[in-house]
């Protein structure tokens, strides 16, 4: 499974998958799939016949950050809230998993689990992470729970995206 970064910028095939899964279905314009710090993140993906079918990324949360941030790099981005455990410092070094998605035609085949597992391993090896955080859409919560992630905060709405729950996992 390919994994690259930090200091790597995804190509158009990677962004095509991310857009098709996470942004286009919500009516976002092209460009909303790009995050300002993509070149600082670790990216993992699955390919099938030279097409990227599943993607995900992880970035190190700065030690002075509670994890709150804009949802994307473009104008009018919604604000994603802080992770409760990081408001007063919390466990460190911490990473955030973001932009996980699998094309509809390739779901339920284990690709998301592969991407997530690779991001977890790479975050420990490349970024020194001891804990991970993520903001899961409600429909994805059972998947993350099956991978050992736990809900940590109350439900909240990310404007234009929908209901979410924050989740956390300690890495061994």
C-alpha atoms as a PDB file:
ATOM      1  CA  UNK A   1       0.000   0.000   0.000  1.00  0.00           C
ATOM      2  CA  UNK A   2       1.441   3.377  -0.947  1.00  0.00           C
ATOM      3  CA  UNK A   3       2.199   5.827   1.846  1.00  0.00           C
ATOM      4  CA  UNK A   4       3.982   9.158   1.406  1.00  0.00           C
ATOM      5  CA  UNK A   5       4.749  12.296   3.337  1.00  0.00           C
ATOM      6  CA  UNK A   6       5.433  14.540   5.042  1.00  0.00           C
ATOM      7  CA  UNK A   7       6.979  16.820   2.401  1.00  0.00           C
ATOM      8  CA  UNK A   8       4.893  15.311  -0.384  1.00  0.00           C
ATOM      9  CA  UNK A   9       1.888  16.799  -2.157  1.00  0.00           C
ATOM     10  CA  UNK A  10      -0.827  14.448  -3.446  1.00  0.00           C
ATOM     11  CA  UNK A  11      -1.383  14.169  -7.183  1.00  0.00           C
ATOM     12  CA  UNK A  12      -4.616  14.652  -9.126  1.00  0.00           C
ATOM     13  CA  UNK A  13      -5.616  10.955  -8.909  1.00  0.00           C
ATOM     14  CA  UNK A  14      -5.465  11.139  -5.098  1.00  0.00           C
ATOM     15  CA  UNK A  15      -7.453  14.372  -4.987  1.00  0.00           C
ATOM     16  CA  UNK A  16      -9.981  12.978  -7.502  1.00  0.00           C
ATOM     17  CA  UNK A  17     -10.807  10.155  -5.087  1.00  0.00           C
ATOM     18  CA  UNK A  18     -10.968  12.459  -2.082  1.00  0.00           C
ATOM     19  CA  UNK A  19     -13.284  14.857  -3.915  1.00  0.00           C
ATOM     20  CA  UNK A  20     -15.553  12.109  -5.304  1.00  0.00           C
ATOM     21  CA  UNK A  21     -16.051  10.516  -1.892  1.00  0.00           C
ATOM     22  CA  UNK A  22     -16.077  13.416   0.558  1.00  0.00           C
ATOM     23  CA  UNK A  23     -16.951  16.670  -1.181  1.00  0.00           C
ATOM     24  CA  UNK A  24     -18.825  16.173  -4.444  1.00  0.00           C
ATOM     25  CA  UNK A  25     -21.771  14.323  -2.815  1.00  0.00           C
ATOM     26  CA  UNK A  26     -22.277  17.355  -0.544  1.00  0.00           C
ATOM     27  CA  UNK A  27     -22.278  19.827  -3.432  1.00  0.00           C
ATOM     28  CA  UNK A  28     -18.862  21.354  -2.724  1.00  0.00           C
ATOM     29  CA  UNK A  29     -16.907  22.902  -5.562  1.00  0.00           C
ATOM     30  CA  UNK A  30     -13.643  21.413  -6.729  1.00  0.00           C
ATOM     31  CA  UNK A  31     -10.834  22.606  -4.442  1.00  0.00           C
ATOM     32  CA  UNK A  32     -12.709  21.884  -1.196  1.00  0.00           C
ATOM     33  CA  UNK A  33     -10.904  18.524  -1.059  1.00  0.00           C
ATOM     34  CA  UNK A  34      -7.548  20.265  -0.575  1.00  0.00           C
ATOM     35  CA  UNK A  35      -6.231  21.068   2.898  1.00  0.00           C
ATOM     36  CA  UNK A  36      -3.661  23.785   3.504  1.00  0.00           C
ATOM     37  CA  UNK A  37      -1.286  21.392   5.275  1.00  0.00           C
ATOM     38  CA  UNK A  38      -1.533  18.423   2.880  1.00  0.00           C
ATOM     39  CA  UNK A  39       2.197  18.671   2.144  1.00  0.00           C
ATOM     40  CA  UNK A  40       2.932  18.256   5.879  1.00  0.00           C
ATOM     41  CA  UNK A  41       0.737  15.176   6.335  1.00  0.00           C
ATOM     42  CA  UNK A  42       1.243  11.451   5.877  1.00  0.00           C
ATOM     43  CA  UNK A  43      -1.010  10.054   3.133  1.00  0.00           C
ATOM     44  CA  UNK A  44      -2.022   6.443   2.476  1.00  0.00           C
ATOM     45  CA  UNK A  45      -4.151   5.084  -0.336  1.00  0.00           C
ATOM     46  CA  UNK A  46      -5.300   1.972  -2.185  1.00  0.00           C
ATOM     47  CA  UNK A  47      -5.118   1.658  -5.961  1.00  0.00           C
ATOM     48  CA  UNK A  48      -7.038  -0.609  -8.316  1.00  0.00           C
ATOM     49  CA  UNK A  49      -6.061  -0.681 -11.995  1.00  0.00           C
ATOM     50  CA  UNK A  50      -4.172   2.649 -11.714  1.00  0.00           C
ATOM     51  CA  UNK A  51      -7.178   4.350 -10.077  1.00  0.00           C
ATOM     52  CA  UNK A  52      -7.041   5.473  -6.464  1.00  0.00           C
ATOM     53  CA  UNK A  53     -10.079   4.015  -4.717  1.00  0.00           C
ATOM     54  CA  UNK A  54      -9.463   4.764  -1.011  1.00  0.00           C
ATOM     55  CA  UNK A  55      -7.565   7.586   0.719  1.00  0.00           C
ATOM     56  CA  UNK A  56      -6.706   8.980   4.117  1.00  0.00           C
ATOM     57  CA  UNK A  57      -4.209  11.299   5.778  1.00  0.00           C
ATOM     58  CA  UNK A  58      -2.730  12.005   9.197  1.00  0.00           C
ATOM     59  CA  UNK A  59      -1.008  15.122  10.477  1.00  0.00           C
ATOM     60  CA  UNK A  60       0.770  15.976  13.696  1.00  0.00           C
ATOM     61  CA  UNK A  61      -1.303  18.272  15.909  1.00  0.00           C
ATOM     62  CA  UNK A  62       0.989  21.083  17.113  1.00  0.00           C
ATOM     63  CA  UNK A  63       1.728  20.929  20.841  1.00  0.00           C
ATOM     64  CA  UNK A  64       0.044  24.316  21.369  1.00  0.00           C
ATOM     65  CA  UNK A  65      -3.119  23.340  19.455  1.00  0.00           C
ATOM     66  CA  UNK A  66      -6.402  21.853  20.664  1.00  0.00           C
ATOM     67  CA  UNK A  67      -7.058  20.450  17.175  1.00  0.00           C
ATOM     68  CA  UNK A  68      -9.681  23.017  16.121  1.00  0.00           C
ATOM     69  CA  UNK A  69      -9.316  24.137  12.504  1.00  0.00           C
ATOM     70  CA  UNK A  70     -10.978  25.012   9.211  1.00  0.00           C
ATOM     71  CA  UNK A  71     -12.649  22.125   7.394  1.00  0.00           C
ATOM     72  CA  UNK A  72     -10.811  22.900   4.131  1.00  0.00           C
ATOM     73  CA  UNK A  73      -8.393  25.404   2.626  1.00  0.00           C
ATOM     74  CA  UNK A  74     -10.924  27.401   0.568  1.00  0.00           C
ATOM     75  CA  UNK A  75     -13.128  30.397   1.246  1.00  0.00           C
ATOM     76  CA  UNK A  76     -16.043  29.963   3.638  1.00  0.00           C
ATOM     77  CA  UNK A  77     -14.762  26.763   5.238  1.00  0.00           C
ATOM     78  CA  UNK A  78     -16.691  25.518   8.250  1.00  0.00           C
ATOM     79  CA  UNK A  79     -14.901  25.407  11.591  1.00  0.00           C
ATOM     80  CA  UNK A  80     -14.125  22.028  13.168  1.00  0.00           C
ATOM     81  CA  UNK A  81     -14.166  22.101  16.987  1.00  0.00           C
ATOM     82  CA  UNK A  82     -11.398  21.270  19.449  1.00  0.00           C
ATOM     83  CA  UNK A  83     -10.818  17.777  20.779  1.00  0.00           C
ATOM     84  CA  UNK A  84     -11.857  17.788  24.450  1.00  0.00           C
ATOM     85  CA  UNK A  85      -8.726  16.043  25.789  1.00  0.00           C
ATOM     86  CA  UNK A  86      -6.474  18.575  24.001  1.00  0.00           C
ATOM     87  CA  UNK A  87      -8.175  21.706  25.376  1.00  0.00           C
ATOM     88  CA  UNK A  88      -5.931  21.640  28.454  1.00  0.00           C
ATOM     89  CA  UNK A  89      -2.893  20.102  26.792  1.00  0.00           C
ATOM     90  CA  UNK A  90      -3.857  16.447  26.678  1.00  0.00           C
ATOM     91  CA  UNK A  91      -1.769  13.463  25.599  1.00  0.00           C
ATOM     92  CA  UNK A  92       1.081  14.117  23.150  1.00  0.00           C
ATOM     93  CA  UNK A  93       2.478  13.644  20.558  1.00  0.00           C
ATOM     94  CA  UNK A  94      -0.941  13.517  18.910  1.00  0.00           C
ATOM     95  CA  UNK A  95      -2.031  13.136  15.314  1.00  0.00           C
ATOM     96  CA  UNK A  96      -5.333  13.704  13.572  1.00  0.00           C
ATOM     97  CA  UNK A  97      -6.702  11.377  10.922  1.00  0.00           C
ATOM     98  CA  UNK A  98      -8.612  13.310   8.251  1.00  0.00           C
ATOM     99  CA  UNK A  99     -10.101  12.911   4.806  1.00  0.00           C
ATOM    100  CA  UNK A 100     -10.720   9.155   4.999  1.00  0.00           C
ATOM    101  CA  UNK A 101     -12.857   7.833   2.168  1.00  0.00           C
ATOM    102  CA  UNK A 102     -13.474   4.931  -0.202  1.00  0.00           C
ATOM    103  CA  UNK A 103     -15.268   5.097  -3.543  1.00  0.00           C
ATOM    104  CA  UNK A 104     -18.801   3.649  -3.274  1.00  0.00           C
ATOM    105  CA  UNK A 105     -17.987   0.904  -5.799  1.00  0.00           C
ATOM    106  CA  UNK A 106     -15.135  -0.374  -3.603  1.00  0.00           C
ATOM    107  CA  UNK A 107     -16.655  -0.219  -0.111  1.00  0.00           C
ATOM    108  CA  UNK A 108     -16.945  -3.161   2.279  1.00  0.00           C
ATOM    109  CA  UNK A 109     -13.756  -4.766   0.951  1.00  0.00           C
ATOM    110  CA  UNK A 110     -11.389  -3.781   3.768  1.00  0.00           C
ATOM    111  CA  UNK A 111      -9.741  -0.845   1.978  1.00  0.00           C
ATOM    112  CA  UNK A 112     -10.590   1.734   4.647  1.00  0.00           C
ATOM    113  CA  UNK A 113      -9.231  -0.563   7.353  1.00  0.00           C
ATOM    114  CA  UNK A 114      -5.986  -0.921   5.352  1.00  0.00           C
ATOM    115  CA  UNK A 115      -5.644   2.847   4.947  1.00  0.00           C
ATOM    116  CA  UNK A 116      -6.404   3.525   8.622  1.00  0.00           C
ATOM    117  CA  UNK A 117      -4.005   0.839   9.845  1.00  0.00           C
ATOM    118  CA  UNK A 118      -1.235   2.188   7.609  1.00  0.00           C
ATOM    119  CA  UNK A 119      -1.850   5.744   8.825  1.00  0.00           C
ATOM    120  CA  UNK A 120      -1.694   4.595  12.446  1.00  0.00           C
ATOM    121  CA  UNK A 121       1.598   2.699  11.889  1.00  0.00           C
ATOM    122  CA  UNK A 122       3.137   5.501   9.829  1.00  0.00           C
ATOM    123  CA  UNK A 123       2.094   8.121  12.395  1.00  0.00           C
ATOM    124  CA  UNK A 124       3.974   6.248  15.088  1.00  0.00           C
ATOM    125  CA  UNK A 125       7.036   5.572  12.898  1.00  0.00           C
ATOM    126  CA  UNK A 126       7.278   8.883  11.016  1.00  0.00           C
ATOM    127  CA  UNK A 127       5.685  11.393  13.403  1.00  0.00           C
ATOM    128  CA  UNK A 128       6.343   9.781  16.790  1.00  0.00           C
ATOM    129  CA  UNK A 129       2.631   9.757  17.656  1.00  0.00           C
ATOM    130  CA  UNK A 130       1.367   8.086  20.805  1.00  0.00           C
ATOM    131  CA  UNK A 131      -2.303   8.971  20.346  1.00  0.00           C
ATOM    132  CA  UNK A 132      -4.673   9.763  17.501  1.00  0.00           C
ATOM    133  CA  UNK A 133      -7.796  11.888  17.144  1.00  0.00           C
ATOM    134  CA  UNK A 134     -10.397  12.112  14.404  1.00  0.00           C
ATOM    135  CA  UNK A 135     -13.785  13.636  13.668  1.00  0.00           C
ATOM    136  CA  UNK A 136     -16.104  10.956  12.313  1.00  0.00           C
ATOM    137  CA  UNK A 137     -19.288  11.449  10.379  1.00  0.00           C
ATOM    138  CA  UNK A 138     -22.053   9.586  12.207  1.00  0.00           C
ATOM    139  CA  UNK A 139     -22.284   6.915   9.507  1.00  0.00           C
ATOM    140  CA  UNK A 140     -18.565   6.088   9.975  1.00  0.00           C
ATOM    141  CA  UNK A 141     -18.587   5.732  13.778  1.00  0.00           C
ATOM    142  CA  UNK A 142     -19.199   1.933  13.801  1.00  0.00           C
ATOM    143  CA  UNK A 143     -16.272   1.439  11.416  1.00  0.00           C
ATOM    144  CA  UNK A 144     -13.877   3.417  13.610  1.00  0.00           C
ATOM    145  CA  UNK A 145     -15.129   1.647  16.743  1.00  0.00           C
ATOM    146  CA  UNK A 146     -14.412  -1.694  15.034  1.00  0.00           C
ATOM    147  CA  UNK A 147     -10.823  -0.468  14.598  1.00  0.00           C
ATOM    148  CA  UNK A 148     -10.375   0.360  18.298  1.00  0.00           C
ATOM    149  CA  UNK A 149     -11.304   4.063  18.297  1.00  0.00           C
ATOM    150  CA  UNK A 150     -13.466   5.463  21.124  1.00  0.00           C
ATOM    151  CA  UNK A 151     -15.957   8.337  21.169  1.00  0.00           C
ATOM    152  CA  UNK A 152     -14.665  11.159  23.398  1.00  0.00           C
ATOM    153  CA  UNK A 153     -16.933  14.197  22.926  1.00  0.00           C
ATOM    154  CA  UNK A 154     -20.603  15.054  22.533  1.00  0.00           C
ATOM    155  CA  UNK A 155     -22.141  15.096  19.056  1.00  0.00           C
ATOM    156  CA  UNK A 156     -21.727  18.302  17.026  1.00  0.00           C
ATOM    157  CA  UNK A 157     -22.531  19.610  13.567  1.00  0.00           C
ATOM    158  CA  UNK A 158     -19.936  20.699  11.021  1.00  0.00           C
ATOM    159  CA  UNK A 159     -21.718  23.173   8.769  1.00  0.00           C
ATOM    160  CA  UNK A 160     -22.273  21.831   5.277  1.00  0.00           C
ATOM    161  CA  UNK A 161     -20.985  18.376   6.234  1.00  0.00           C
ATOM    162  CA  UNK A 162     -23.317  17.071   8.940  1.00  0.00           C
ATOM    163  CA  UNK A 163     -23.279  15.474  12.397  1.00  0.00           C
ATOM    164  CA  UNK A 164     -19.941  14.247  13.778  1.00  0.00           C
ATOM    165  CA  UNK A 165     -18.387  12.727  16.885  1.00  0.00           C
ATOM    166  CA  UNK A 166     -14.778  13.103  17.980  1.00  0.00           C
ATOM    167  CA  UNK A 167     -12.863   9.884  18.557  1.00  0.00           C
ATOM    168  CA  UNK A 168      -9.516   8.916  20.060  1.00  0.00           C
ATOM    169  CA  UNK A 169      -7.127   5.963  20.101  1.00  0.00           C
ATOM    170  CA  UNK A 170      -3.875   5.326  21.977  1.00  0.00           C
ATOM    171  CA  UNK A 171      -1.189   3.645  19.863  1.00  0.00           C
ATOM    172  CA  UNK A 172       0.983   0.866  21.307  1.00  0.00           C
END
